[in-house]
Structures are given as C-alpha cells and as structure tokens.
Amino acid sequence: MSEDTVLSAQDRLEILETLHFLSHVVDNREWDHLAGAVTEDVEFLSPKTDAPESVADLAPTMTLPGPAGIRQGYELSQLAQYGSVHVLNTVIEPIDQDTAVTWSRLIMVSFDQRAVGADAVDTVVRTPVGWRISRRVVHARNMLREPQRQGGGYVPGPYTFMHFDEAILRAQQGAAATDDHGNGGQTR
C-alpha cells in the first residue's frame, strides 16, 4: 500500500453500504441477493466450534468458498440462531484504489433476544458493478468458556488486531501480485 492511497468519501460510503447490505441479506435470508454484496469467488472463514474453550478455538478454520459457502456458513453454524446482525464501528484501510480491508464489530441478536458479539474482517474490491466483499473472516468475541468468568471470557485486543493486520498484509500482497502481472490498475 502506498502511504498516499486515499479512498474518496463516495468509495467509503459505498463500502459501508455493501457491508450493511450483506447484513440485510443474512437477516432476511434473501440468499438470491448475495451478488449485491459479494464476489463470485468470495471466501468465508469462521471458527469451527460454537463453544470455544481457548483462544485457539476462536481461530477461523472453516473455509467456505463462493456465495453458496456464505449461505452454508450462516445456516450450518450458530449464526443461524441469530435473527439480526448489526454492523458497527467499521474501520476502512485502503490498500489501493480498488481494494480495502475493513474491520467491523458485529452485534448479533438471537430469536430469544440474547446478544453475542463478533468481529468481521473483510477484504472489499471494486468491481464493474460496485464494491463487493471478496473475503470475510468472522472472529468470535467474548465467548471463551472460562469457569472464573462464569461463561464469558474476554478475548484480548491483540488477538483481533493480529487478524486485521494479517488481512491487510494479505490484501497488499494480492494487490502487488496483480500489479506484477500487468494489470496496470485495471478494475477487477
């Protein structure tokens, strides 16, 4: 990433609208509208377990490719029990004019009105039809089953920052590889 890479206010707004639209698609289970938020080759990663007992259990290890993978990820995981997903506090880190990494806090409310938090680290890319998510990594938050914390354990900040930094590095490497192959800054 160049230090002078800046996204316009319009780009930032469109990126946020894409993230929010995905929440509406998931909340309403309108899977036919996924193309309005994700690329055809989107990669979705999430933790395998619904009852983590260590920080290692929180690591995103289940990879599901494509829009069908996102649907499967939500339907087959504990996320299916949540009737609404709210995207809050999004940070946008530009990689180049056509790529950015975002870090959002998710608050999910279950049908029986319990709430759980998570972090989503998304790589978004500019496409001919607008900004789309090409990679989403969901990180469970405050879900460790530690007896001394009576069912909920705080995940230390460096854990989440580590995943945001990894996503930025991955996107930078992808952008550099695209430039090395003669893309010349063309929109993906």
Protein backbone atom coordinates (compact mmCIF):
# COMPACT_ATOMS: atom_id res chain seq x y z
CA MET A 1 0.00 0.00 0.00
CA SER A 2 1.24 3.42 -0.82
CA GLU A 3 1.21 5.83 2.09
CA ASP A 4 -0.75 8.26 -0.08
CA THR A 5 -3.51 5.80 -1.03
CA VAL A 6 -6.77 7.51 -0.21
CA LEU A 7 -10.29 6.38 -0.94
CA SER A 8 -12.87 9.02 -1.75
CA ALA A 9 -15.74 9.71 0.61
CA GLN A 10 -18.01 8.16 -2.02
CA ASP A 11 -15.93 4.96 -2.08
CA ARG A 12 -16.04 4.74 1.71
CA LEU A 13 -19.81 5.23 1.71
CA GLU A 14 -20.26 2.54 -0.94
CA ILE A 15 -18.06 0.12 1.02
CA LEU A 16 -20.14 0.68 4.16
CA GLU A 17 -23.36 0.24 2.19
CA THR A 18 -22.04 -3.08 0.85
CA LEU A 19 -21.29 -4.31 4.38
CA HIS A 20 -24.70 -3.20 5.62
CA PHE A 21 -26.46 -4.74 2.63
CA LEU A 22 -24.86 -8.12 3.41
CA SER A 23 -26.34 -7.88 6.92
CA HIS A 24 -29.79 -7.29 5.42
CA VAL A 25 -29.36 -10.27 3.09
CA VAL A 26 -28.37 -12.50 6.02
CA ASP A 27 -31.06 -11.14 8.38
CA ASN A 28 -33.77 -11.77 5.81
CA ARG A 29 -32.24 -15.00 4.47
CA GLU A 30 -32.51 -13.49 0.97
CA TRP A 31 -29.66 -15.57 -0.40
CA ASP A 32 -30.50 -14.71 -4.02
CA HIS A 33 -29.28 -11.17 -3.29
CA LEU A 34 -25.77 -12.16 -2.19
CA ALA A 35 -24.37 -10.97 -5.54
CA GLY A 36 -25.19 -7.43 -4.43
CA ALA A 37 -22.62 -7.73 -1.64
CA VAL A 38 -20.02 -10.38 -2.53
CA THR A 39 -17.86 -11.51 -5.45
CA GLU A 40 -18.48 -14.85 -7.16
CA ASP A 41 -15.23 -16.20 -5.69
CA VAL A 42 -15.79 -14.84 -2.18
CA GLU A 43 -14.11 -16.76 0.63
CA PHE A 44 -15.85 -17.03 4.02
CA LEU A 45 -13.89 -18.16 7.08
CA SER A 46 -15.29 -18.73 10.56
CA PRO A 47 -14.49 -20.69 13.74
CA LYS A 48 -15.46 -24.38 13.69
CA THR A 49 -16.76 -24.53 17.23
CA ASP A 50 -19.73 -22.86 18.87
CA ALA A 51 -18.30 -23.40 22.35
CA PRO A 52 -14.67 -22.21 22.35
CA GLU A 53 -12.54 -23.13 25.35
CA SER A 54 -9.29 -21.42 24.32
CA VAL A 55 -8.12 -18.57 22.12
CA ALA A 56 -7.03 -21.22 19.59
CA ASP A 57 -10.66 -22.40 19.32
CA LEU A 58 -11.63 -18.90 18.20
CA ALA A 59 -9.38 -19.02 15.14
CA PRO A 60 -11.25 -19.04 11.83
CA THR A 61 -10.57 -22.51 10.47
CA MET A 62 -13.67 -23.38 8.47
CA THR A 63 -13.38 -22.07 4.89
CA LEU A 64 -16.43 -21.94 2.66
CA PRO A 65 -15.99 -20.66 -0.91
CA GLY A 66 -18.43 -18.65 -3.01
CA PRO A 67 -21.87 -17.24 -2.23
CA ALA A 68 -23.10 -20.78 -1.51
CA GLY A 69 -20.34 -21.02 1.10
CA ILE A 70 -21.57 -17.88 2.83
CA ARG A 71 -25.10 -19.28 2.91
CA GLN A 72 -23.84 -22.61 4.24
CA GLY A 73 -21.67 -20.83 6.79
CA TYR A 74 -24.63 -18.98 8.22
CA GLU A 75 -27.13 -21.83 8.00
CA LEU A 76 -24.90 -24.54 9.48
CA SER A 77 -23.29 -22.56 12.26
CA GLN A 78 -24.53 -20.94 15.41
CA LEU A 79 -25.16 -17.84 13.29
CA ALA A 80 -28.45 -19.44 12.15
CA GLN A 81 -29.91 -18.80 15.59
CA TYR A 82 -29.44 -15.05 15.23
CA GLY A 83 -32.31 -13.16 13.67
CA SER A 84 -30.41 -9.94 13.14
CA VAL A 85 -26.85 -8.85 12.54
CA HIS A 86 -25.84 -5.25 13.13
CA VAL A 87 -22.60 -3.84 11.69
CA LEU A 88 -20.98 -1.27 13.95
CA ASN A 89 -17.73 0.66 14.22
CA THR A 90 -16.20 -0.11 10.84
CA VAL A 91 -12.60 0.86 10.16
CA ILE A 92 -11.58 1.04 6.48
CA GLU A 93 -7.93 0.58 5.50
CA PRO A 94 -7.27 1.35 1.81
CA ILE A 95 -4.82 -0.95 0.07
CA ASP A 96 -5.03 0.70 -3.35
CA GLN A 97 -7.76 2.49 -5.30
CA ASP A 98 -9.58 -0.81 -5.93
CA THR A 99 -9.00 -2.75 -2.69
CA ALA A 100 -9.60 -2.09 1.00
CA VAL A 101 -9.71 -4.10 4.22
CA THR A 102 -12.44 -3.37 6.74
CA TRP A 103 -12.81 -4.33 10.36
CA SER A 104 -16.32 -4.22 11.77
CA ARG A 105 -17.86 -5.11 15.08
CA LEU A 106 -20.92 -7.29 14.68
CA ILE A 107 -23.68 -7.49 17.25
CA MET A 108 -25.99 -10.41 16.63
CA VAL A 109 -29.34 -10.77 18.38
CA SER A 110 -30.86 -14.23 18.70
CA PHE A 111 -34.52 -15.04 18.26
CA ASP A 112 -34.83 -15.39 22.05
CA GLN A 113 -33.28 -11.91 22.42
CA ARG A 114 -29.76 -12.85 23.53
CA ALA A 115 -26.88 -10.94 22.02
CA VAL A 116 -23.37 -12.01 21.04
CA GLY A 117 -20.50 -10.05 19.57
CA ALA A 118 -18.08 -10.86 16.81
CA ASP A 119 -15.59 -9.11 14.58
CA ALA A 120 -15.68 -9.31 10.79
CA VAL A 121 -12.55 -8.56 8.80
CA ASP A 122 -13.49 -8.11 5.15
CA THR A 123 -11.46 -7.57 2.03
CA VAL A 124 -13.50 -5.50 -0.39
CA VAL A 125 -12.73 -4.90 -4.05
CA ARG A 126 -14.04 -2.54 -6.68
CA THR A 127 -15.88 -4.44 -9.43
CA PRO A 128 -17.69 -3.19 -12.55
CA VAL A 129 -20.94 -3.28 -10.53
CA GLY A 130 -19.57 -1.62 -7.38
CA TRP A 131 -17.68 -2.57 -4.22
CA ARG A 132 -18.02 -6.24 -3.23
CA ILE A 133 -16.67 -8.40 -0.43
CA SER A 134 -14.09 -10.89 -1.72
CA ARG A 135 -13.11 -12.36 1.66
CA ARG A 136 -14.84 -12.36 5.05
CA VAL A 137 -13.26 -13.68 8.22
CA VAL A 138 -15.53 -13.80 11.27
CA HIS A 139 -13.94 -13.86 14.71
CA ALA A 140 -15.95 -14.84 17.77
CA ARG A 141 -15.74 -12.32 20.58
CA ASN A 142 -16.06 -12.74 24.33
CA MET A 143 -17.16 -16.37 24.06
CA LEU A 144 -14.48 -18.28 25.98
CA ARG A 145 -15.93 -20.76 28.45
CA GLU A 146 -13.81 -19.94 31.47
CA PRO A 147 -15.22 -21.02 34.83
CA GLN A 148 -13.82 -17.99 36.64
CA ARG A 149 -15.67 -15.74 34.19
CA GLN A 150 -18.93 -17.66 34.50
CA GLY A 151 -19.44 -18.43 30.85
CA GLY A 152 -17.90 -15.49 29.07
CA GLY A 153 -14.26 -14.62 28.65
CA TYR A 154 -12.82 -11.52 27.07
CA VAL A 155 -10.66 -12.04 24.01
CA PRO A 156 -7.61 -9.79 24.34
CA GLY A 157 -7.27 -6.96 21.84
CA PRO A 158 -4.02 -8.12 20.22
CA TYR A 159 -5.80 -11.26 19.00
CA THR A 160 -8.24 -9.24 16.91
CA PHE A 161 -5.67 -6.65 15.80
CA MET A 162 -3.50 -9.55 14.65
CA HIS A 163 -6.24 -10.73 12.25
CA PHE A 164 -6.83 -7.22 10.91
CA ASP A 165 -3.10 -6.80 10.29
CA GLU A 166 -2.94 -10.23 8.60
CA ALA A 167 -5.81 -9.28 6.28
CA ILE A 168 -4.11 -6.01 5.34
CA LEU A 169 -0.84 -7.82 4.57
CA ARG A 170 -2.67 -10.46 2.51
CA ALA A 171 -4.51 -7.80 0.51
CA GLN A 172 -1.29 -5.83 -0.05
CA GLN A 173 0.41 -8.97 -1.36
CA GLY A 174 -2.55 -9.68 -3.64
CA ALA A 175 -2.52 -6.12 -4.98
CA ALA A 176 1.23 -6.32 -5.59
CA ALA A 177 0.83 -9.65 -7.41
CA THR A 178 -1.93 -8.17 -9.59
CA ASP A 179 0.28 -5.18 -10.48
CA ASP A 180 3.21 -7.53 -11.23
CA HIS A 181 1.06 -9.40 -13.76
CA GLY A 182 0.48 -6.33 -15.88
CA ASN A 183 -3.00 -5.44 -14.67
CA GLY A 184 -1.95 -1.81 -14.85
CA GLY A 185 -4.51 -0.80 -12.23
CA GLN A 186 -7.48 -2.19 -14.14
CA THR A 187 -10.66 -2.80 -12.16
CA ARG A 188 -11.12 -6.40 -11.21
